[in-house]
Amino acid sequence: MRFISPKIDYAFKMIFGSDQSEEILISFLNAIIYEGKNKIQSLTILNPYNPPQIQTLKDSYLDVRAVLNDNSQVIIEMQVARVTAFDKRVVYNLAKTYSTQLGTREGYRHLKPVIAVTITDFKMFDKNPDVVNYFYFLNEKKIVEYTSEEMQLVFVEMPKFQKSL
């Protein structure tokens, strides 16, 4: 029997982004974002289409988008091919998701963290052997974290995963 590769957009979205996949997505995100700790107890899978608030801005299509039980949002993208400016696209989608949370009169205190999980079928960080890499705001001179973890980037590089069945 042949199976469709989960690297293909349609299969990835069916495995992680359908209404029936809530438990799978929770398990996956707890493993990747929280290193196996069961922090996520529930989530709501959202429409991954992220239309612009202003007509002249670019559309965004994410593979999976969800709201966690603490109201944080997670956006997930599976990328098989290395494309030009992919790193910029990841940051754009993270920033856009964060910036479109508020309505006209809502205060900034209503902003919730956004985590972008990007799974690649190529190496992005050749000098780092880790399969999973975490990025957030940091004072690079003093190695001091920013006061809140409002935006986080998590990269999973599949070619670095070397575990046999």
Protein backbone atom coordinates (compact mmCIF):
# COMPACT_ATOMS: atom_id res chain seq x y z
CA MET A 1 0.00 0.00 0.00
CA ARG A 2 1.34 3.45 -0.90
CA PHE A 3 0.83 6.47 1.30
CA ILE A 4 0.84 10.12 0.41
CA SER A 5 3.80 12.00 1.87
CA PRO A 6 2.94 14.28 4.81
CA LYS A 7 5.34 16.79 3.23
CA ILE A 8 2.74 17.53 0.57
CA ASP A 9 0.55 20.52 1.53
CA TYR A 10 -2.75 18.68 1.21
CA ALA A 11 -1.62 15.72 3.32
CA PHE A 12 0.03 17.97 5.92
CA LYS A 13 -3.16 20.01 6.29
CA MET A 14 -5.28 16.86 6.58
CA ILE A 15 -3.00 15.36 9.26
CA PHE A 16 -2.54 18.51 11.38
CA GLY A 17 -5.17 21.04 10.31
CA SER A 18 -8.49 19.23 10.03
CA ASP A 19 -11.23 19.14 12.65
CA GLN A 20 -10.40 15.50 13.42
CA SER A 21 -6.72 16.20 14.08
CA GLU A 22 -6.91 18.24 17.29
CA GLU A 23 -5.25 15.54 19.46
CA ILE A 24 -2.49 14.97 16.90
CA LEU A 25 -1.80 18.69 16.64
CA ILE A 26 -1.73 19.11 20.44
CA SER A 27 0.73 16.23 20.79
CA PHE A 28 2.92 17.58 17.97
CA LEU A 29 2.99 21.13 19.33
CA ASN A 30 3.70 19.99 22.90
CA ALA A 31 6.62 17.93 21.57
CA ILE A 32 8.04 20.68 19.36
CA ILE A 33 7.32 23.92 21.22
CA TYR A 34 7.40 22.69 24.82
CA GLU A 35 9.91 19.83 24.44
CA GLY A 36 7.43 17.13 25.45
CA LYS A 37 5.75 18.93 28.35
CA ASN A 38 1.94 18.82 28.20
CA LYS A 39 1.38 22.58 28.34
CA ILE A 40 -1.28 22.64 25.61
CA GLN A 41 -4.48 21.04 26.84
CA SER A 42 -6.81 22.25 24.12
CA LEU A 43 -6.80 24.33 20.97
CA THR A 44 -9.05 25.55 18.21
CA ILE A 45 -8.01 25.06 14.61
CA LEU A 46 -8.66 28.21 12.56
CA ASN A 47 -8.94 28.95 8.85
CA PRO A 48 -5.29 29.23 7.66
CA TYR A 49 -6.10 31.98 5.13
CA ASN A 50 -4.77 35.23 6.58
CA PRO A 51 -6.26 38.00 4.41
CA PRO A 52 -4.82 41.49 4.66
CA GLN A 53 -6.61 44.11 6.75
CA ILE A 54 -5.63 46.73 4.19
CA GLN A 55 -6.32 46.04 0.53
CA THR A 56 -2.79 46.87 -0.62
CA LEU A 57 -1.10 44.35 1.72
CA LYS A 58 -0.09 40.86 0.65
CA ASP A 59 -2.28 37.78 1.28
CA SER A 60 -0.89 34.98 3.45
CA TYR A 61 -1.71 31.32 3.19
CA LEU A 62 -0.58 29.24 6.14
CA ASP A 63 -0.68 25.45 6.33
CA VAL A 64 -2.19 25.34 9.82
CA ARG A 65 -3.31 28.04 12.25
CA ALA A 66 -4.61 27.42 15.75
CA VAL A 67 -5.46 29.22 18.99
CA LEU A 68 -4.18 27.51 22.13
CA ASN A 69 -6.00 27.27 25.46
CA ASP A 70 -4.02 30.32 26.73
CA ASN A 71 -5.18 32.30 23.64
CA SER A 72 -1.73 32.24 22.04
CA GLN A 73 -1.80 31.65 18.29
CA VAL A 74 0.34 29.11 16.49
CA ILE A 75 0.97 29.26 12.76
CA ILE A 76 2.54 26.24 11.10
CA GLU A 77 4.15 25.94 7.72
CA MET A 78 5.69 22.93 5.99
CA GLN A 79 8.26 23.90 3.35
CA VAL A 80 9.81 21.28 1.09
CA ALA A 81 11.79 23.43 -1.35
CA ARG A 82 14.23 26.18 -0.53
CA VAL A 83 12.83 29.34 -2.12
CA THR A 84 14.14 32.87 -2.39
CA ALA A 85 13.52 35.00 0.71
CA PHE A 86 11.83 32.13 2.59
CA ASP A 87 13.27 33.42 5.87
CA LYS A 88 11.60 36.79 5.23
CA ARG A 89 8.26 35.10 4.46
CA VAL A 90 8.35 33.30 7.82
CA VAL A 91 8.93 36.56 9.70
CA TYR A 92 6.27 38.36 7.61
CA ASN A 93 3.64 35.74 8.44
CA LEU A 94 4.55 35.87 12.15
CA ALA A 95 4.42 39.68 12.28
CA LYS A 96 1.21 39.85 10.26
CA THR A 97 -0.54 37.33 12.49
CA TYR A 98 0.57 39.28 15.57
CA SER A 99 -0.34 42.69 14.19
CA THR A 100 -3.84 41.80 13.01
CA GLN A 101 -5.16 40.69 16.41
CA LEU A 102 -6.54 44.04 17.52
CA GLY A 103 -9.58 45.96 16.40
CA THR A 104 -9.64 49.75 16.04
CA ARG A 105 -10.27 50.62 19.69
CA GLU A 106 -8.70 47.62 21.45
CA GLY A 107 -5.79 48.20 23.81
CA TYR A 108 -2.38 46.58 23.38
CA ARG A 109 -2.94 44.56 26.56
CA HIS A 110 -5.25 42.33 24.50
CA LEU A 111 -2.38 41.13 22.29
CA LYS A 112 -1.56 37.45 22.73
CA PRO A 113 1.72 35.71 21.82
CA VAL A 114 2.18 34.20 18.37
CA ILE A 115 4.44 31.23 17.70
CA ALA A 116 5.50 30.37 14.15
CA VAL A 117 6.47 26.71 13.72
CA THR A 118 8.26 26.12 10.43
CA ILE A 119 9.13 22.60 9.30
CA THR A 120 11.66 22.43 6.49
CA ASP A 121 12.85 19.57 4.31
CA PHE A 122 16.18 21.37 3.94
CA LYS A 123 18.78 22.76 6.31
CA MET A 124 18.43 26.42 7.24
CA PHE A 125 21.10 26.60 9.95
CA ASP A 126 24.09 24.65 8.67
CA LYS A 127 26.36 25.59 11.57
CA ASN A 128 23.88 24.35 14.19
CA PRO A 129 23.34 20.56 14.46
CA ASP A 130 20.06 20.85 16.42
CA VAL A 131 16.92 19.54 14.72
CA VAL A 132 14.72 22.12 16.46
CA ASN A 133 15.80 25.74 16.87
CA TYR A 134 14.01 28.40 18.94
CA PHE A 135 14.24 32.17 18.34
CA TYR A 136 12.75 35.12 20.22
CA PHE A 137 13.76 38.67 21.13
CA LEU A 138 17.07 38.87 22.95
CA ASN A 139 19.61 41.55 23.85
CA GLU A 140 22.51 40.11 21.87
CA LYS A 141 25.24 41.95 23.78
CA LYS A 142 24.13 40.89 27.26
CA ILE A 143 22.13 37.76 26.31
CA VAL A 144 19.10 39.10 28.15
CA GLU A 145 15.62 38.01 27.06
CA TYR A 146 13.03 40.62 26.18
CA THR A 147 10.46 41.09 28.95
CA SER A 148 7.76 39.12 27.14
CA GLU A 149 7.79 36.32 24.62
CA GLU A 150 5.24 37.84 22.28
CA MET A 151 6.68 36.44 19.07
CA GLN A 152 8.62 33.21 18.77
CA LEU A 153 10.05 31.36 15.79
CA VAL A 154 10.53 27.59 15.96
CA PHE A 155 12.27 25.80 13.10
CA VAL A 156 12.28 22.03 12.62
CA GLU A 157 14.85 20.90 10.05
CA MET A 158 13.91 17.39 8.94
CA PRO A 159 17.24 16.50 7.23
CA LYS A 160 18.95 16.77 10.64
CA PHE A 161 16.60 14.20 12.19
CA GLN A 162 18.61 10.97 12.29
CA LYS A 163 16.52 8.42 14.12
CA SER A 164 15.77 5.01 12.66
CA LEU A 165 12.53 3.11 13.21
